[in-house]
Amino acid sequence: MAKPILFAATLVALLALAAAIWLSTDGPDIPASPGALPQNFVAGISPTQRLCIAEQIIPPGAARIEMTLSTYGRPVVAAITVTGRAGDKLILAGSRRFREAQNVVVPVTPTANREQLATICLRNSGQAKFQIAGSPTSGPSLRYPGATQFSWTDIAGDIGERFQRVRVAPFGAATAWLALALALAAIVLAVGVVIRTARQ
């Protein structure tokens, strides 16, 4: 009898914990790094000018930033410098020359080892004006190809923070907390069954 109860409790704990983590990441849309391909060009940057985009979520393992740039159809060489700041701290920087219209990948250093919220600034460090693509509603689109590195310790602190802004039907943030409570209750039940079985 103890084994089926232990199995069921463990299964419920795993499912509830997975649900809690999944629900915690379903937060409101933040004006940052949309995953979808940009639809049209939304901003132009002249030589020496700078465009800053606030509240960008820099994912763990981000060593490159990709964006779609165009030199207005002219066959000229342009240059872009990218910097990222979390508060007053410079957390990444990189630069790249490009020609005409293309998806431009700018290598940045250092590589982010955890998710960070930053302001990304794009500076025209060349002689040719260029424009950046994105969404008319959320602004320029920045993408982070290859940023897939993470560990459970990296995301542990983010889960609680995201509970505060979770958007889940039908109970809102309470849904995520309920899933976490179920996971903890199932773990307690499983431990209790193991202890009782050991005493018999």
N, C-alpha and C. Protein backbone atom coordinates (compact mmCIF):
# COMPACT_ATOMS: atom_id res chain seq x y z
N MET A 1 0.83 -1.21 0.00
CA MET A 1 0.00 0.00 0.00
C MET A 1 0.87 1.27 0.00
N ALA A 2 2.01 1.17 0.73
CA ALA A 2 2.85 2.36 0.85
C ALA A 2 3.47 2.74 -0.48
N LYS A 3 3.84 1.76 -1.28
CA LYS A 3 4.51 2.06 -2.54
C LYS A 3 3.60 2.83 -3.51
N PRO A 4 2.32 2.40 -3.70
CA PRO A 4 1.45 3.20 -4.59
C PRO A 4 1.25 4.63 -4.10
N ILE A 5 1.11 4.79 -2.77
CA ILE A 5 0.94 6.15 -2.21
C ILE A 5 2.19 6.99 -2.45
N LEU A 6 3.35 6.37 -2.22
CA LEU A 6 4.61 7.08 -2.43
C LEU A 6 4.77 7.48 -3.89
N PHE A 7 4.43 6.56 -4.80
CA PHE A 7 4.54 6.86 -6.23
C PHE A 7 3.60 8.00 -6.62
N ALA A 8 2.34 7.91 -6.13
CA ALA A 8 1.35 8.95 -6.47
C ALA A 8 1.77 10.30 -5.92
N ALA A 9 2.28 10.32 -4.67
CA ALA A 9 2.70 11.59 -4.07
C ALA A 9 3.87 12.19 -4.81
N THR A 10 4.82 11.34 -5.20
CA THR A 10 5.98 11.83 -5.95
C THR A 10 5.56 12.39 -7.30
N LEU A 11 4.62 11.69 -7.98
CA LEU A 11 4.14 12.15 -9.27
C LEU A 11 3.43 13.50 -9.15
N VAL A 12 2.58 13.62 -8.12
CA VAL A 12 1.87 14.89 -7.91
C VAL A 12 2.86 16.01 -7.61
N ALA A 13 3.88 15.71 -6.81
CA ALA A 13 4.87 16.73 -6.47
C ALA A 13 5.60 17.22 -7.71
N LEU A 14 6.01 16.29 -8.55
CA LEU A 14 6.73 16.67 -9.76
C LEU A 14 5.85 17.48 -10.70
N LEU A 15 4.60 17.05 -10.88
CA LEU A 15 3.69 17.77 -11.78
C LEU A 15 3.37 19.17 -11.24
N ALA A 16 3.12 19.25 -9.93
CA ALA A 16 2.80 20.56 -9.34
C ALA A 16 3.99 21.50 -9.39
N LEU A 17 5.20 20.96 -9.14
CA LEU A 17 6.39 21.80 -9.20
C LEU A 17 6.63 22.29 -10.62
N ALA A 18 6.45 21.40 -11.61
CA ALA A 18 6.60 21.81 -13.01
C ALA A 18 5.57 22.88 -13.37
N ALA A 19 4.34 22.71 -12.87
CA ALA A 19 3.30 23.71 -13.15
C ALA A 19 3.63 25.05 -12.51
N ALA A 20 4.18 25.01 -11.30
CA ALA A 20 4.54 26.26 -10.62
C ALA A 20 5.61 27.01 -11.39
N ILE A 21 6.62 26.28 -11.86
CA ILE A 21 7.69 26.92 -12.63
C ILE A 21 7.15 27.46 -13.94
N TRP A 22 6.32 26.68 -14.63
CA TRP A 22 5.76 27.12 -15.91
C TRP A 22 4.88 28.34 -15.73
N LEU A 23 4.02 28.32 -14.69
CA LEU A 23 3.14 29.47 -14.47
C LEU A 23 3.92 30.71 -14.09
N SER A 24 5.03 30.52 -13.37
CA SER A 24 5.81 31.68 -12.94
C SER A 24 6.46 32.40 -14.10
N THR A 25 6.64 31.72 -15.23
CA THR A 25 7.27 32.37 -16.38
C THR A 25 6.24 32.98 -17.32
N ASP A 26 4.95 32.82 -17.02
CA ASP A 26 3.91 33.34 -17.90
C ASP A 26 3.50 34.72 -17.44
N GLY A 27 4.45 35.64 -17.40
CA GLY A 27 4.20 36.98 -16.93
C GLY A 27 3.73 37.90 -18.04
N PRO A 28 3.46 39.14 -17.71
CA PRO A 28 3.03 40.09 -18.72
C PRO A 28 4.15 40.40 -19.69
N ASP A 29 3.77 40.84 -20.86
CA ASP A 29 4.76 41.15 -21.88
C ASP A 29 5.55 42.38 -21.46
N ILE A 30 6.87 42.24 -21.39
CA ILE A 30 7.75 43.35 -21.06
C ILE A 30 8.33 43.88 -22.36
N PRO A 31 8.44 45.18 -22.56
CA PRO A 31 8.99 45.69 -23.81
C PRO A 31 10.46 45.34 -23.96
N ALA A 32 10.73 44.08 -24.28
CA ALA A 32 12.11 43.63 -24.37
C ALA A 32 12.22 42.41 -25.26
N SER A 33 13.28 42.36 -26.01
CA SER A 33 13.71 41.20 -26.79
C SER A 33 12.60 40.31 -27.30
N PRO A 34 11.70 40.80 -28.17
CA PRO A 34 10.66 39.93 -28.71
C PRO A 34 11.28 38.78 -29.49
N GLY A 35 10.69 37.60 -29.37
CA GLY A 35 11.22 36.44 -30.07
C GLY A 35 10.83 36.39 -31.53
N ALA A 36 9.69 37.03 -31.88
CA ALA A 36 9.22 36.98 -33.25
C ALA A 36 10.08 37.85 -34.15
N LEU A 37 10.12 37.50 -35.42
CA LEU A 37 10.87 38.30 -36.37
C LEU A 37 10.24 39.67 -36.52
N PRO A 38 11.04 40.71 -36.66
CA PRO A 38 10.48 42.06 -36.78
C PRO A 38 9.67 42.22 -38.06
N GLN A 39 8.70 43.11 -38.01
CA GLN A 39 7.80 43.30 -39.14
C GLN A 39 8.23 44.45 -40.04
N ASN A 40 8.80 45.50 -39.49
CA ASN A 40 9.20 46.64 -40.30
C ASN A 40 10.21 47.49 -39.54
N PHE A 41 10.81 48.44 -40.23
CA PHE A 41 11.79 49.31 -39.60
C PHE A 41 11.07 50.38 -38.79
N VAL A 42 11.51 50.55 -37.55
CA VAL A 42 10.77 51.42 -36.62
C VAL A 42 11.58 52.61 -36.12
N ALA A 43 12.90 52.62 -36.34
CA ALA A 43 13.71 53.74 -35.84
C ALA A 43 14.96 53.90 -36.68
N GLY A 44 15.37 55.15 -36.88
CA GLY A 44 16.60 55.46 -37.60
C GLY A 44 17.63 56.06 -36.65
N ILE A 45 18.91 55.75 -36.89
CA ILE A 45 19.99 56.26 -36.04
C ILE A 45 21.05 56.91 -36.93
N SER A 46 21.24 58.18 -36.77
CA SER A 46 22.23 58.92 -37.54
C SER A 46 23.62 58.77 -36.92
N PRO A 47 24.69 59.09 -37.67
CA PRO A 47 26.04 59.01 -37.12
C PRO A 47 26.18 59.79 -35.82
N THR A 48 26.83 59.16 -34.84
CA THR A 48 27.09 59.65 -33.47
C THR A 48 25.84 59.63 -32.58
N GLN A 49 24.66 59.35 -33.15
CA GLN A 49 23.46 59.29 -32.34
C GLN A 49 23.36 57.95 -31.61
N ARG A 50 22.53 57.92 -30.57
CA ARG A 50 22.36 56.73 -29.76
C ARG A 50 20.88 56.48 -29.49
N LEU A 51 20.48 55.22 -29.52
CA LEU A 51 19.11 54.82 -29.20
C LEU A 51 19.17 53.82 -28.05
N CYS A 52 18.50 54.14 -26.94
CA CYS A 52 18.52 53.25 -25.78
C CYS A 52 17.14 52.60 -25.60
N ILE A 53 17.16 51.32 -25.26
CA ILE A 53 15.95 50.54 -25.09
C ILE A 53 15.96 50.00 -23.66
N ALA A 54 15.01 50.45 -22.86
CA ALA A 54 14.98 50.07 -21.45
C ALA A 54 14.33 48.71 -21.23
N GLU A 55 14.56 48.14 -20.07
CA GLU A 55 13.93 46.90 -19.60
C GLU A 55 14.11 45.74 -20.58
N GLN A 56 15.32 45.55 -21.01
CA GLN A 56 15.64 44.40 -21.86
C GLN A 56 16.03 43.21 -20.98
N ILE A 57 15.41 42.08 -21.20
CA ILE A 57 15.76 40.88 -20.45
C ILE A 57 16.90 40.19 -21.18
N ILE A 58 18.07 40.16 -20.56
CA ILE A 58 19.24 39.51 -21.13
C ILE A 58 19.26 38.07 -20.62
N PRO A 59 19.06 37.09 -21.48
CA PRO A 59 18.98 35.70 -21.01
C PRO A 59 20.36 35.15 -20.65
N PRO A 60 20.40 34.10 -19.82
CA PRO A 60 21.68 33.47 -19.48
C PRO A 60 22.38 32.94 -20.73
N GLY A 61 23.68 33.05 -20.78
CA GLY A 61 24.44 32.55 -21.92
C GLY A 61 24.45 33.47 -23.12
N ALA A 62 23.92 34.69 -22.98
CA ALA A 62 23.86 35.63 -24.11
C ALA A 62 25.26 36.15 -24.43
N ALA A 63 25.79 35.72 -25.57
CA ALA A 63 27.10 36.19 -26.02
C ALA A 63 26.99 36.96 -27.31
N ARG A 64 25.77 37.01 -27.88
CA ARG A 64 25.53 37.72 -29.14
C ARG A 64 24.16 38.39 -29.10
N ILE A 65 24.07 39.54 -29.73
CA ILE A 65 22.79 40.22 -29.90
C ILE A 65 22.54 40.37 -31.40
N GLU A 66 21.38 39.92 -31.83
CA GLU A 66 21.04 39.99 -33.25
C GLU A 66 19.92 41.00 -33.46
N MET A 67 20.03 41.77 -34.53
CA MET A 67 19.00 42.73 -34.91
C MET A 67 19.00 42.88 -36.42
N THR A 68 17.89 43.35 -36.95
CA THR A 68 17.79 43.57 -38.39
C THR A 68 18.02 45.05 -38.67
N LEU A 69 19.07 45.34 -39.44
CA LEU A 69 19.47 46.72 -39.73
C LEU A 69 19.47 46.97 -41.22
N SER A 70 19.31 48.22 -41.60
CA SER A 70 19.32 48.60 -43.02
C SER A 70 19.94 49.97 -43.18
N THR A 71 20.71 50.14 -44.25
CA THR A 71 21.29 51.45 -44.57
C THR A 71 20.44 52.16 -45.63
N TYR A 72 19.13 51.99 -45.51
CA TYR A 72 18.18 52.65 -46.41
C TYR A 72 18.39 52.27 -47.87
N GLY A 73 18.82 51.05 -48.11
CA GLY A 73 18.99 50.56 -49.48
C GLY A 73 20.25 51.03 -50.16
N ARG A 74 21.11 51.77 -49.47
CA ARG A 74 22.35 52.27 -50.07
C ARG A 74 23.49 51.29 -49.81
N PRO A 75 24.33 51.01 -50.79
CA PRO A 75 25.44 50.05 -50.62
C PRO A 75 26.62 50.67 -49.88
N VAL A 76 26.39 51.02 -48.62
CA VAL A 76 27.45 51.66 -47.82
C VAL A 76 27.75 50.80 -46.61
N VAL A 77 28.90 51.05 -46.02
CA VAL A 77 29.30 50.33 -44.81
C VAL A 77 28.93 51.17 -43.59
N ALA A 78 28.24 50.55 -42.65
CA ALA A 78 27.85 51.24 -41.42
C ALA A 78 28.45 50.49 -40.23
N ALA A 79 28.37 51.10 -39.07
CA ALA A 79 28.93 50.48 -37.86
C ALA A 79 28.01 50.76 -36.69
N ILE A 80 27.90 49.76 -35.80
CA ILE A 80 27.06 49.90 -34.62
C ILE A 80 27.86 49.46 -33.39
N THR A 81 27.66 50.18 -32.29
CA THR A 81 28.25 49.81 -31.00
C THR A 81 27.10 49.57 -30.02
N VAL A 82 27.16 48.44 -29.32
CA VAL A 82 26.10 48.05 -28.39
C VAL A 82 26.66 48.03 -26.98
N THR A 83 25.94 48.64 -26.05
CA THR A 83 26.30 48.56 -24.63
C THR A 83 25.05 48.21 -23.83
N GLY A 84 25.25 47.51 -22.75
CA GLY A 84 24.15 47.17 -21.86
C GLY A 84 24.50 47.52 -20.42
N ARG A 85 23.58 48.18 -19.74
CA ARG A 85 23.82 48.60 -18.36
C ARG A 85 22.67 48.15 -17.47
N ALA A 86 23.05 47.60 -16.32
CA ALA A 86 22.09 47.31 -15.25
C ALA A 86 22.33 48.34 -14.17
N GLY A 87 21.48 49.35 -14.12
CA GLY A 87 21.74 50.49 -13.25
C GLY A 87 22.93 51.27 -13.79
N ASP A 88 23.94 51.48 -12.97
CA ASP A 88 25.15 52.18 -13.41
C ASP A 88 26.25 51.22 -13.86
N LYS A 89 25.99 49.92 -13.77
CA LYS A 89 27.03 48.94 -14.07
C LYS A 89 26.98 48.51 -15.54
N LEU A 90 28.11 48.60 -16.23
CA LEU A 90 28.21 48.13 -17.60
C LEU A 90 28.32 46.60 -17.58
N ILE A 91 27.34 45.90 -18.18
CA ILE A 91 27.34 44.44 -18.11
C ILE A 91 27.70 43.77 -19.43
N LEU A 92 27.62 44.52 -20.54
CA LEU A 92 28.03 43.95 -21.82
C LEU A 92 28.34 45.06 -22.81
N ALA A 93 29.17 44.73 -23.79
CA ALA A 93 29.54 45.69 -24.83
C ALA A 93 30.02 44.93 -26.05
N GLY A 94 29.81 45.55 -27.22
CA GLY A 94 30.29 44.94 -28.46
C GLY A 94 30.07 45.89 -29.62
N SER A 95 30.71 45.62 -30.74
CA SER A 95 30.56 46.47 -31.92
C SER A 95 30.67 45.61 -33.17
N ARG A 96 30.17 46.17 -34.29
CA ARG A 96 30.17 45.41 -35.54
C ARG A 96 29.98 46.37 -36.71
N ARG A 97 30.67 46.09 -37.81
CA ARG A 97 30.45 46.79 -39.07
C ARG A 97 29.55 45.92 -39.94
N PHE A 98 28.70 46.56 -40.73
CA PHE A 98 27.82 45.80 -41.61
C PHE A 98 27.56 46.59 -42.88
N ARG A 99 26.97 45.93 -43.87
CA ARG A 99 26.75 46.58 -45.17
C ARG A 99 25.31 46.34 -45.62
N GLU A 100 24.66 47.42 -46.05
CA GLU A 100 23.29 47.38 -46.56
C GLU A 100 22.34 46.77 -45.53
N ALA A 101 21.35 45.99 -45.97
CA ALA A 101 20.33 45.45 -45.07
C ALA A 101 20.62 43.98 -44.77
N GLN A 102 20.60 43.63 -43.50
CA GLN A 102 20.84 42.25 -43.11
C GLN A 102 20.52 42.07 -41.64
N ASN A 103 20.45 40.78 -41.24
CA ASN A 103 20.41 40.47 -39.82
C ASN A 103 21.84 40.55 -39.30
N VAL A 104 22.08 41.48 -38.42
CA VAL A 104 23.43 41.74 -37.92
C VAL A 104 23.57 41.12 -36.53
N VAL A 105 24.60 40.29 -36.36
CA VAL A 105 24.88 39.67 -35.07
C VAL A 105 26.10 40.36 -34.47
N VAL A 106 25.91 40.96 -33.30
CA VAL A 106 26.99 41.68 -32.63
C VAL A 106 27.48 40.84 -31.45
N PRO A 107 28.72 40.35 -31.49
CA PRO A 107 29.27 39.64 -30.33
C PRO A 107 29.43 40.61 -29.16
N VAL A 108 29.05 40.18 -27.96
CA VAL A 108 29.17 41.03 -26.78
C VAL A 108 29.95 40.29 -25.70
N THR A 109 30.63 41.05 -24.90
CA THR A 109 31.35 40.50 -23.75
C THR A 109 31.06 41.35 -22.52
N PRO A 110 31.05 40.81 -21.34
CA PRO A 110 31.20 39.38 -21.09
C PRO A 110 29.90 38.63 -21.36
N THR A 111 29.96 37.31 -21.45
CA THR A 111 28.75 36.50 -21.62
C THR A 111 27.95 36.50 -20.32
N ALA A 112 26.65 36.71 -20.44
CA ALA A 112 25.81 36.72 -19.25
C ALA A 112 25.69 35.32 -18.67
N ASN A 113 25.95 35.17 -17.37
CA ASN A 113 25.82 33.86 -16.74
C ASN A 113 24.50 33.68 -16.01
N ARG A 114 23.68 34.74 -16.00
CA ARG A 114 22.35 34.63 -15.42
C ARG A 114 21.46 35.68 -16.08
N GLU A 115 20.16 35.52 -15.93
CA GLU A 115 19.23 36.47 -16.52
C GLU A 115 19.37 37.83 -15.82
N GLN A 116 19.42 38.89 -16.64
CA GLN A 116 19.54 40.23 -16.09
C GLN A 116 18.60 41.18 -16.82
N LEU A 117 18.18 42.20 -16.11
CA LEU A 117 17.36 43.25 -16.70
C LEU A 117 18.25 44.45 -16.94
N ALA A 118 18.32 44.92 -18.18
CA ALA A 118 19.28 45.96 -18.52
C ALA A 118 18.68 46.95 -19.52
N THR A 119 19.36 48.07 -19.64
CA THR A 119 19.08 49.04 -20.70
C THR A 119 20.13 48.86 -21.78
N ILE A 120 19.67 48.56 -23.00
CA ILE A 120 20.58 48.35 -24.12
C ILE A 120 20.62 49.62 -24.96
N CYS A 121 21.83 50.13 -25.21
CA CYS A 121 21.99 51.32 -26.03
C CYS A 121 22.70 50.96 -27.33
N LEU A 122 22.15 51.42 -28.44
CA LEU A 122 22.72 51.21 -29.77
C LEU A 122 23.25 52.55 -30.27
N ARG A 123 24.55 52.62 -30.55
CA ARG A 123 25.15 53.87 -31.02
C ARG A 123 25.67 53.70 -32.44
N ASN A 124 25.39 54.67 -33.25
CA ASN A 124 25.90 54.67 -34.62
C ASN A 124 27.35 55.15 -34.57
N SER A 125 28.27 54.19 -34.68
CA SER A 125 29.69 54.52 -34.57
C SER A 125 30.37 54.62 -35.94
N GLY A 126 29.56 54.71 -37.00
CA GLY A 126 30.11 54.85 -38.35
C GLY A 126 29.73 56.17 -38.97
N GLN A 127 29.80 56.22 -40.31
CA GLN A 127 29.52 57.45 -41.05
C GLN A 127 28.19 57.41 -41.79
N ALA A 128 27.53 56.25 -41.81
CA ALA A 128 26.28 56.10 -42.56
C ALA A 128 25.10 55.92 -41.62
N LYS A 129 24.00 56.57 -41.94
CA LYS A 129 22.78 56.42 -41.15
C LYS A 129 22.18 55.04 -41.41
N PHE A 130 21.61 54.43 -40.37
CA PHE A 130 20.94 53.14 -40.56
C PHE A 130 19.66 53.11 -39.75
N GLN A 131 18.85 52.12 -40.02
CA GLN A 131 17.59 51.96 -39.30
C GLN A 131 17.49 50.53 -38.77
N ILE A 132 16.68 50.39 -37.72
CA ILE A 132 16.52 49.10 -37.07
C ILE A 132 15.06 48.66 -37.14
N ALA A 133 14.87 47.36 -37.34
CA ALA A 133 13.52 46.82 -37.47
C ALA A 133 12.98 46.37 -36.12
N GLY A 134 11.68 46.28 -36.06
CA GLY A 134 11.02 45.84 -34.84
C GLY A 134 9.52 45.94 -34.98
N SER A 135 8.86 46.11 -33.87
CA SER A 135 7.40 46.20 -33.84
C SER A 135 6.99 47.63 -33.54
N PRO A 136 5.97 48.14 -34.21
CA PRO A 136 5.50 49.51 -33.92
C PRO A 136 5.04 49.69 -32.49
N THR A 137 4.62 48.60 -31.84
CA THR A 137 4.10 48.71 -30.47
C THR A 137 5.19 48.53 -29.42
N SER A 138 6.11 47.58 -29.62
CA SER A 138 7.13 47.31 -28.60
C SER A 138 8.50 47.86 -28.94
N GLY A 139 8.65 48.42 -30.15
CA GLY A 139 9.91 49.06 -30.50
C GLY A 139 10.91 48.12 -31.16
N PRO A 140 12.19 48.51 -31.21
CA PRO A 140 13.22 47.71 -31.87
C PRO A 140 13.29 46.29 -31.32
N SER A 141 13.54 45.35 -32.21
CA SER A 141 13.61 43.94 -31.82
C SER A 141 15.05 43.49 -31.66
N LEU A 142 15.38 43.02 -30.45
CA LEU A 142 16.69 42.46 -30.17
C LEU A 142 16.52 40.97 -29.88
N ARG A 143 17.42 40.16 -30.46
CA ARG A 143 17.34 38.72 -30.28
C ARG A 143 18.67 38.21 -29.76
N TYR A 144 18.65 37.08 -29.08
CA TYR A 144 19.84 36.55 -28.43
C TYR A 144 20.07 35.11 -28.89
N PRO A 145 20.61 34.93 -30.10
CA PRO A 145 20.80 33.56 -30.62
C PRO A 145 21.79 32.77 -29.78
N GLY A 146 21.44 31.52 -29.53
CA GLY A 146 22.34 30.63 -28.79
C GLY A 146 22.32 30.81 -27.30
N ALA A 147 21.47 31.70 -26.78
CA ALA A 147 21.44 31.94 -25.33
C ALA A 147 20.53 30.91 -24.67
N THR A 148 21.04 29.71 -24.48
CA THR A 148 20.23 28.63 -23.92
C THR A 148 20.81 28.09 -22.62
N GLN A 149 21.94 28.62 -22.18
CA GLN A 149 22.57 28.09 -20.97
C GLN A 149 21.82 28.57 -19.74
N PHE A 150 21.54 27.64 -18.85
CA PHE A 150 20.93 27.99 -17.58
C PHE A 150 21.14 26.86 -16.60
N SER A 151 20.95 27.16 -15.34
CA SER A 151 20.98 26.12 -14.32
C SER A 151 19.82 26.39 -13.37
N TRP A 152 19.44 25.37 -12.60
CA TRP A 152 18.32 25.55 -11.67
C TRP A 152 18.65 26.61 -10.63
N THR A 153 19.92 26.73 -10.24
CA THR A 153 20.27 27.75 -9.26
C THR A 153 20.15 29.15 -9.85
N ASP A 154 20.36 29.27 -11.18
CA ASP A 154 20.22 30.58 -11.82
C ASP A 154 18.78 31.07 -11.80
N ILE A 155 17.83 30.13 -12.03
CA ILE A 155 16.44 30.57 -12.18
C ILE A 155 15.68 30.53 -10.87
N ALA A 156 16.26 29.98 -9.81
CA ALA A 156 15.54 29.87 -8.54
C ALA A 156 15.08 31.24 -8.04
N GLY A 157 15.96 32.24 -8.10
CA GLY A 157 15.59 33.57 -7.63
C GLY A 157 14.58 34.26 -8.53
N ASP A 158 14.56 33.88 -9.82
CA ASP A 158 13.65 34.53 -10.75
C ASP A 158 12.22 34.07 -10.56
N ILE A 159 12.04 32.83 -10.06
CA ILE A 159 10.68 32.28 -9.96
C ILE A 159 9.83 33.12 -9.01
N GLY A 160 10.38 33.40 -7.81
CA GLY A 160 9.63 34.21 -6.85
C GLY A 160 9.31 35.59 -7.38
N GLU A 161 10.27 36.20 -8.08
CA GLU A 161 10.05 37.54 -8.64
C GLU A 161 8.94 37.52 -9.67
N ARG A 162 8.91 36.47 -10.50
CA ARG A 162 7.91 36.41 -11.55
C ARG A 162 6.52 36.09 -11.01
N PHE A 163 6.44 35.44 -9.83
CA PHE A 163 5.14 35.25 -9.21
C PHE A 163 4.44 36.58 -9.00
N GLN A 164 5.22 37.63 -8.74
CA GLN A 164 4.64 38.94 -8.44
C GLN A 164 3.96 39.57 -9.65
N ARG A 165 4.36 39.15 -10.86
CA ARG A 165 3.76 39.76 -12.04
C ARG A 165 3.12 38.72 -12.96
N VAL A 166 2.81 37.52 -12.38
CA VAL A 166 2.25 36.45 -13.19
C VAL A 166 0.86 36.83 -13.69
N ARG A 167 0.49 36.32 -14.86
CA ARG A 167 -0.81 36.61 -15.47
C ARG A 167 -1.38 35.29 -15.95
N VAL A 168 -2.15 34.63 -15.08
CA VAL A 168 -2.67 33.31 -15.41
C VAL A 168 -4.15 33.27 -15.07
N ALA A 169 -4.98 32.76 -15.99
CA ALA A 169 -6.39 32.58 -15.72
C ALA A 169 -6.57 31.25 -14.98
N PRO A 170 -7.61 31.07 -14.12
CA PRO A 170 -8.59 32.11 -13.80
C PRO A 170 -8.28 32.88 -12.53
N PHE A 171 -7.23 32.51 -11.77
CA PHE A 171 -7.04 33.09 -10.44
C PHE A 171 -5.83 34.00 -10.34
N GLY A 172 -5.20 34.32 -11.44
CA GLY A 172 -4.05 35.21 -11.40
C GLY A 172 -2.88 34.59 -10.67
N ALA A 173 -2.18 35.41 -9.88
CA ALA A 173 -0.98 34.93 -9.20
C ALA A 173 -1.27 33.80 -8.23
N ALA A 174 -2.52 33.73 -7.72
CA ALA A 174 -2.87 32.66 -6.78
C ALA A 174 -2.70 31.28 -7.41
N THR A 175 -2.87 31.19 -8.72
CA THR A 175 -2.71 29.90 -9.39
C THR A 175 -1.30 29.38 -9.22
N ALA A 176 -0.32 30.23 -9.41
CA ALA A 176 1.07 29.80 -9.27
C ALA A 176 1.38 29.41 -7.84
N TRP A 177 0.89 30.18 -6.88
CA TRP A 177 1.15 29.85 -5.47
C TRP A 177 0.46 28.54 -5.09
N LEU A 178 -0.74 28.30 -5.64
CA LEU A 178 -1.45 27.05 -5.35
C LEU A 178 -0.67 25.85 -5.88
N ALA A 179 -0.10 26.00 -7.08
CA ALA A 179 0.68 24.90 -7.66
C ALA A 179 1.91 24.62 -6.80
N LEU A 180 2.55 25.66 -6.31
CA LEU A 180 3.73 25.47 -5.46
C LEU A 180 3.34 24.83 -4.13
N ALA A 181 2.19 25.23 -3.55
CA ALA A 181 1.73 24.64 -2.30
C ALA A 181 1.42 23.16 -2.47
N LEU A 182 0.80 22.81 -3.60
CA LEU A 182 0.52 21.40 -3.87
C LEU A 182 1.80 20.59 -3.98
N ALA A 183 2.81 21.18 -4.63
CA ALA A 183 4.09 20.48 -4.76
C ALA A 183 4.70 20.22 -3.39
N LEU A 184 4.68 21.21 -2.51
CA LEU A 184 5.25 21.05 -1.17
C LEU A 184 4.45 20.05 -0.35
N ALA A 185 3.11 20.10 -0.46
CA ALA A 185 2.28 19.15 0.28
C ALA A 185 2.53 17.72 -0.17
N ALA A 186 2.69 17.53 -1.47
CA ALA A 186 2.95 16.18 -1.98
C ALA A 186 4.31 15.67 -1.51
N ILE A 187 5.29 16.56 -1.45
CA ILE A 187 6.62 16.16 -0.96
C ILE A 187 6.55 15.75 0.50
N VAL A 188 5.82 16.54 1.32
CA VAL A 188 5.66 16.21 2.73
C VAL A 188 4.98 14.86 2.89
N LEU A 189 3.93 14.63 2.08
CA LEU A 189 3.22 13.35 2.13
C LEU A 189 4.14 12.19 1.77
N ALA A 190 4.95 12.37 0.74
CA ALA A 190 5.87 11.31 0.33
C ALA A 190 6.88 11.01 1.41
N VAL A 191 7.43 12.05 2.04
CA VAL A 191 8.40 11.84 3.12
C VAL A 191 7.74 11.13 4.30
N GLY A 192 6.49 11.53 4.62
CA GLY A 192 5.77 10.87 5.71
C GLY A 192 5.55 9.39 5.46
N VAL A 193 5.21 9.04 4.22
CA VAL A 193 5.00 7.64 3.88
C VAL A 193 6.30 6.85 4.02
N VAL A 194 7.40 7.44 3.58
CA VAL A 194 8.70 6.76 3.70
C VAL A 194 9.07 6.52 5.15
N ILE A 195 8.86 7.54 6.00
CA ILE A 195 9.20 7.40 7.43
C ILE A 195 8.31 6.35 8.09
N ARG A 196 7.02 6.37 7.79
CA ARG A 196 6.11 5.39 8.39
C ARG A 196 6.43 3.98 7.94
N THR A 197 6.79 3.82 6.68
CA THR A 197 7.16 2.49 6.18
C THR A 197 8.44 1.98 6.84
N ALA A 198 9.40 2.90 7.06
CA ALA A 198 10.66 2.49 7.69
C ALA A 198 10.45 2.03 9.12
N ARG A 199 9.45 2.59 9.81
CA ARG A 199 9.21 2.21 11.20
C ARG A 199 8.50 0.87 11.34
N GLN A 200 7.78 0.46 10.28
CA GLN A 200 7.02 -0.79 10.35
C GLN A 200 7.92 -2.01 10.21
